Amino acid sequence: MTDTTVVHLAGQAMLIIAELAGPALAVTLVVGLVVSLFQAVTSIQESTLSFLPKLVAVALVLLLTGQWMVGQLVGFVEQLYASIPGLVQK
């Protein structure tokens, strides 16, 4: 296995990680922004107020996209396992 192969595999792994984490992070960002705007408008400065809405939003995202995420991860691992014989040098 060459260093180019290792870098390529690492790049693929980071890409799949970003792809899988993206929906949850985007929803958390939007919910946090909405809660922050609500706090600014109503002058409520409770720091724990944003935790529950973010938790519920991430749970919903994982519920809706969890099957797709597992499918993507399983596909990546299957592809990785299938490429092992070609990666081993004699």
N, C-alpha and C. Protein backbone atom coordinates (compact mmCIF):
# COMPACT_ATOMS: atom_id res chain seq x y z
N MET A 1 0.85 -1.17 0.00
CA MET A 1 0.00 0.00 0.00
C MET A 1 0.90 1.23 0.00
N THR A 2 0.62 2.14 -0.89
CA THR A 2 1.44 3.35 -1.01
C THR A 2 0.84 4.47 -0.18
N ASP A 3 1.61 5.51 -0.03
CA ASP A 3 1.12 6.66 0.73
C ASP A 3 -0.02 7.36 0.00
N THR A 4 -0.03 7.30 -1.31
CA THR A 4 -1.13 7.89 -2.08
C THR A 4 -2.44 7.16 -1.80
N THR A 5 -2.38 5.85 -1.68
CA THR A 5 -3.56 5.05 -1.37
C THR A 5 -4.10 5.39 0.02
N VAL A 6 -3.20 5.55 0.97
CA VAL A 6 -3.61 5.89 2.34
C VAL A 6 -4.28 7.25 2.36
N VAL A 7 -3.71 8.22 1.66
CA VAL A 7 -4.29 9.56 1.61
C VAL A 7 -5.66 9.52 0.94
N HIS A 8 -5.78 8.72 -0.12
CA HIS A 8 -7.06 8.59 -0.82
C HIS A 8 -8.12 7.98 0.09
N LEU A 9 -7.77 6.91 0.81
CA LEU A 9 -8.71 6.28 1.73
C LEU A 9 -9.10 7.22 2.87
N ALA A 10 -8.13 7.97 3.38
CA ALA A 10 -8.42 8.93 4.44
C ALA A 10 -9.34 10.03 3.93
N GLY A 11 -9.12 10.47 2.71
CA GLY A 11 -10.00 11.48 2.12
C GLY A 11 -11.41 10.98 1.94
N GLN A 12 -11.55 9.73 1.48
CA GLN A 12 -12.88 9.14 1.35
C GLN A 12 -13.56 9.02 2.71
N ALA A 13 -12.81 8.62 3.72
CA ALA A 13 -13.38 8.48 5.06
C ALA A 13 -13.85 9.84 5.60
N MET A 14 -13.05 10.87 5.41
CA MET A 14 -13.45 12.20 5.89
C MET A 14 -14.66 12.72 5.12
N LEU A 15 -14.74 12.39 3.83
CA LEU A 15 -15.88 12.82 3.03
C LEU A 15 -17.17 12.14 3.51
N ILE A 16 -17.10 10.86 3.80
CA ILE A 16 -18.29 10.16 4.27
C ILE A 16 -18.69 10.64 5.67
N ILE A 17 -17.72 10.97 6.50
CA ILE A 17 -18.02 11.52 7.82
C ILE A 17 -18.73 12.86 7.71
N ALA A 18 -18.23 13.72 6.83
CA ALA A 18 -18.88 15.03 6.63
C ALA A 18 -20.28 14.87 6.05
N GLU A 19 -20.43 13.91 5.14
CA GLU A 19 -21.73 13.66 4.53
C GLU A 19 -22.74 13.15 5.55
N LEU A 20 -22.30 12.32 6.46
CA LEU A 20 -23.21 11.76 7.46
C LEU A 20 -23.51 12.75 8.59
N ALA A 21 -22.55 13.57 8.94
CA ALA A 21 -22.76 14.52 10.04
C ALA A 21 -23.45 15.80 9.57
N GLY A 22 -23.43 16.06 8.28
CA GLY A 22 -23.98 17.30 7.73
C GLY A 22 -25.42 17.59 8.10
N PRO A 23 -26.35 16.66 7.88
CA PRO A 23 -27.75 16.98 8.19
C PRO A 23 -27.98 17.33 9.66
N ALA A 24 -27.40 16.58 10.56
CA ALA A 24 -27.59 16.86 11.99
C ALA A 24 -26.97 18.20 12.37
N LEU A 25 -25.80 18.48 11.84
CA LEU A 25 -25.15 19.76 12.15
C LEU A 25 -25.91 20.94 11.57
N ALA A 26 -26.44 20.79 10.36
CA ALA A 26 -27.19 21.88 9.74
C ALA A 26 -28.47 22.17 10.52
N VAL A 27 -29.18 21.13 10.92
CA VAL A 27 -30.41 21.34 11.69
C VAL A 27 -30.10 21.96 13.04
N THR A 28 -29.03 21.51 13.68
CA THR A 28 -28.62 22.10 14.96
C THR A 28 -28.29 23.58 14.80
N LEU A 29 -27.63 23.92 13.72
CA LEU A 29 -27.28 25.32 13.46
C LEU A 29 -28.53 26.17 13.28
N VAL A 30 -29.49 25.69 12.50
CA VAL A 30 -30.71 26.45 12.25
C VAL A 30 -31.53 26.59 13.52
N VAL A 31 -31.68 25.51 14.27
CA VAL A 31 -32.46 25.58 15.53
C VAL A 31 -31.78 26.50 16.53
N GLY A 32 -30.46 26.44 16.62
CA GLY A 32 -29.73 27.34 17.51
C GLY A 32 -29.91 28.79 17.13
N LEU A 33 -29.91 29.07 15.82
CA LEU A 33 -30.11 30.45 15.36
C LEU A 33 -31.51 30.94 15.69
N VAL A 34 -32.51 30.10 15.48
CA VAL A 34 -33.89 30.49 15.78
C VAL A 34 -34.08 30.73 17.28
N VAL A 35 -33.53 29.86 18.10
CA VAL A 35 -33.65 30.04 19.55
C VAL A 35 -32.91 31.29 19.99
N SER A 36 -31.74 31.55 19.41
CA SER A 36 -31.00 32.77 19.76
C SER A 36 -31.77 34.03 19.38
N LEU A 37 -32.40 34.00 18.21
CA LEU A 37 -33.22 35.15 17.82
C LEU A 37 -34.39 35.33 18.77
N PHE A 38 -35.02 34.24 19.16
CA PHE A 38 -36.12 34.30 20.12
C PHE A 38 -35.65 34.87 21.45
N GLN A 39 -34.48 34.44 21.90
CA GLN A 39 -33.94 34.96 23.16
C GLN A 39 -33.61 36.44 23.05
N ALA A 40 -33.10 36.86 21.91
CA ALA A 40 -32.77 38.28 21.74
C ALA A 40 -34.02 39.14 21.69
N VAL A 41 -35.06 38.65 21.04
CA VAL A 41 -36.29 39.43 20.92
C VAL A 41 -37.01 39.52 22.26
N THR A 42 -37.03 38.44 23.02
CA THR A 42 -37.77 38.43 24.28
C THR A 42 -36.92 38.78 25.49
N SER A 43 -35.65 39.01 25.29
CA SER A 43 -34.70 39.35 26.37
C SER A 43 -34.60 38.24 27.42
N ILE A 44 -34.85 37.01 27.02
CA ILE A 44 -34.66 35.87 27.92
C ILE A 44 -33.22 35.42 27.74
N GLN A 45 -32.45 35.42 28.80
CA GLN A 45 -31.04 35.08 28.72
C GLN A 45 -30.74 33.76 29.44
N GLU A 46 -31.59 32.79 29.23
CA GLU A 46 -31.40 31.48 29.84
C GLU A 46 -30.53 30.63 28.91
N SER A 47 -29.38 30.20 29.41
CA SER A 47 -28.44 29.48 28.55
C SER A 47 -28.88 28.04 28.26
N THR A 48 -29.73 27.48 29.11
CA THR A 48 -30.17 26.10 28.89
C THR A 48 -31.40 26.01 28.00
N LEU A 49 -31.95 27.13 27.57
CA LEU A 49 -33.16 27.13 26.77
C LEU A 49 -32.94 26.48 25.40
N SER A 50 -31.76 26.60 24.84
CA SER A 50 -31.53 26.09 23.49
C SER A 50 -31.21 24.59 23.48
N PHE A 51 -30.96 23.99 24.62
CA PHE A 51 -30.56 22.59 24.64
C PHE A 51 -31.68 21.64 24.22
N LEU A 52 -32.85 21.78 24.78
CA LEU A 52 -33.95 20.86 24.49
C LEU A 52 -34.41 20.94 23.03
N PRO A 53 -34.62 22.13 22.46
CA PRO A 53 -35.01 22.16 21.04
C PRO A 53 -33.95 21.53 20.12
N LYS A 54 -32.67 21.75 20.42
CA LYS A 54 -31.61 21.14 19.61
C LYS A 54 -31.63 19.63 19.75
N LEU A 55 -31.84 19.15 20.97
CA LEU A 55 -31.89 17.71 21.21
C LEU A 55 -33.04 17.06 20.46
N VAL A 56 -34.21 17.69 20.50
CA VAL A 56 -35.38 17.16 19.80
C VAL A 56 -35.15 17.20 18.28
N ALA A 57 -34.57 18.29 17.78
CA ALA A 57 -34.33 18.42 16.35
C ALA A 57 -33.34 17.37 15.84
N VAL A 58 -32.27 17.15 16.59
CA VAL A 58 -31.29 16.14 16.18
C VAL A 58 -31.89 14.75 16.26
N ALA A 59 -32.71 14.49 17.27
CA ALA A 59 -33.37 13.19 17.36
C ALA A 59 -34.29 12.96 16.16
N LEU A 60 -35.01 13.98 15.74
CA LEU A 60 -35.87 13.85 14.57
C LEU A 60 -35.06 13.63 13.29
N VAL A 61 -33.95 14.35 13.17
CA VAL A 61 -33.10 14.17 11.99
C VAL A 61 -32.54 12.76 11.95
N LEU A 62 -32.08 12.26 13.08
CA LEU A 62 -31.56 10.89 13.12
C LEU A 62 -32.65 9.86 12.87
N LEU A 63 -33.86 10.14 13.32
CA LEU A 63 -34.98 9.24 13.07
C LEU A 63 -35.32 9.21 11.58
N LEU A 64 -35.30 10.37 10.95
CA LEU A 64 -35.66 10.45 9.53
C LEU A 64 -34.55 10.00 8.59
N THR A 65 -33.31 10.27 8.93
CA THR A 65 -32.20 9.98 8.02
C THR A 65 -31.30 8.85 8.51
N GLY A 66 -31.64 8.23 9.61
CA GLY A 66 -30.78 7.19 10.17
C GLY A 66 -30.59 6.01 9.25
N GLN A 67 -31.65 5.58 8.59
CA GLN A 67 -31.54 4.44 7.68
C GLN A 67 -30.62 4.78 6.50
N TRP A 68 -30.75 5.97 5.97
CA TRP A 68 -29.87 6.41 4.88
C TRP A 68 -28.42 6.48 5.35
N MET A 69 -28.21 7.00 6.55
CA MET A 69 -26.85 7.11 7.08
C MET A 69 -26.20 5.74 7.25
N VAL A 70 -26.95 4.79 7.80
CA VAL A 70 -26.42 3.44 7.97
C VAL A 70 -26.14 2.81 6.61
N GLY A 71 -27.02 3.02 5.64
CA GLY A 71 -26.79 2.49 4.30
C GLY A 71 -25.53 3.04 3.66
N GLN A 72 -25.29 4.34 3.83
CA GLN A 72 -24.08 4.96 3.28
C GLN A 72 -22.84 4.39 3.95
N LEU A 73 -22.89 4.24 5.25
CA LEU A 73 -21.74 3.73 5.99
C LEU A 73 -21.46 2.27 5.65
N VAL A 74 -22.51 1.47 5.53
CA VAL A 74 -22.33 0.06 5.17
C VAL A 74 -21.77 -0.04 3.75
N GLY A 75 -22.25 0.78 2.84
CA GLY A 75 -21.73 0.78 1.48
C GLY A 75 -20.25 1.14 1.44
N PHE A 76 -19.85 2.11 2.24
CA PHE A 76 -18.43 2.50 2.29
C PHE A 76 -17.58 1.37 2.84
N VAL A 77 -18.05 0.74 3.90
CA VAL A 77 -17.28 -0.35 4.51
C VAL A 77 -17.20 -1.55 3.57
N GLU A 78 -18.30 -1.86 2.88
CA GLU A 78 -18.26 -2.96 1.91
C GLU A 78 -17.28 -2.68 0.78
N GLN A 79 -17.28 -1.44 0.31
CA GLN A 79 -16.33 -1.05 -0.73
C GLN A 79 -14.89 -1.14 -0.22
N LEU A 80 -14.69 -0.74 1.01
CA LEU A 80 -13.36 -0.80 1.60
C LEU A 80 -12.89 -2.24 1.75
N TYR A 81 -13.77 -3.11 2.25
CA TYR A 81 -13.41 -4.52 2.40
C TYR A 81 -13.17 -5.19 1.05
N ALA A 82 -13.93 -4.82 0.05
CA ALA A 82 -13.75 -5.41 -1.28
C ALA A 82 -12.43 -4.97 -1.92
N SER A 83 -11.93 -3.81 -1.52
CA SER A 83 -10.69 -3.31 -2.12
C SER A 83 -9.44 -3.78 -1.37
N ILE A 84 -9.60 -4.49 -0.27
CA ILE A 84 -8.44 -4.94 0.51
C ILE A 84 -7.49 -5.82 -0.30
N PRO A 85 -7.97 -6.80 -1.06
CA PRO A 85 -7.01 -7.62 -1.82
C PRO A 85 -6.18 -6.82 -2.80
N GLY A 86 -6.74 -5.79 -3.39
CA GLY A 86 -5.99 -4.95 -4.32
C GLY A 86 -5.01 -4.02 -3.62
N LEU A 87 -5.22 -3.78 -2.34
CA LEU A 87 -4.35 -2.87 -1.59
C LEU A 87 -3.10 -3.56 -1.07
N VAL A 88 -3.18 -4.85 -0.89
CA VAL A 88 -2.07 -5.58 -0.32
C VAL A 88 -1.02 -5.82 -1.41
N GLN A 89 0.19 -5.39 -1.12
CA GLN A 89 1.28 -5.60 -2.08
C GLN A 89 2.00 -6.90 -1.73
N LYS A 90 2.49 -7.55 -2.75
CA LYS A 90 3.23 -8.80 -2.51
C LYS A 90 4.70 -8.55 -2.41
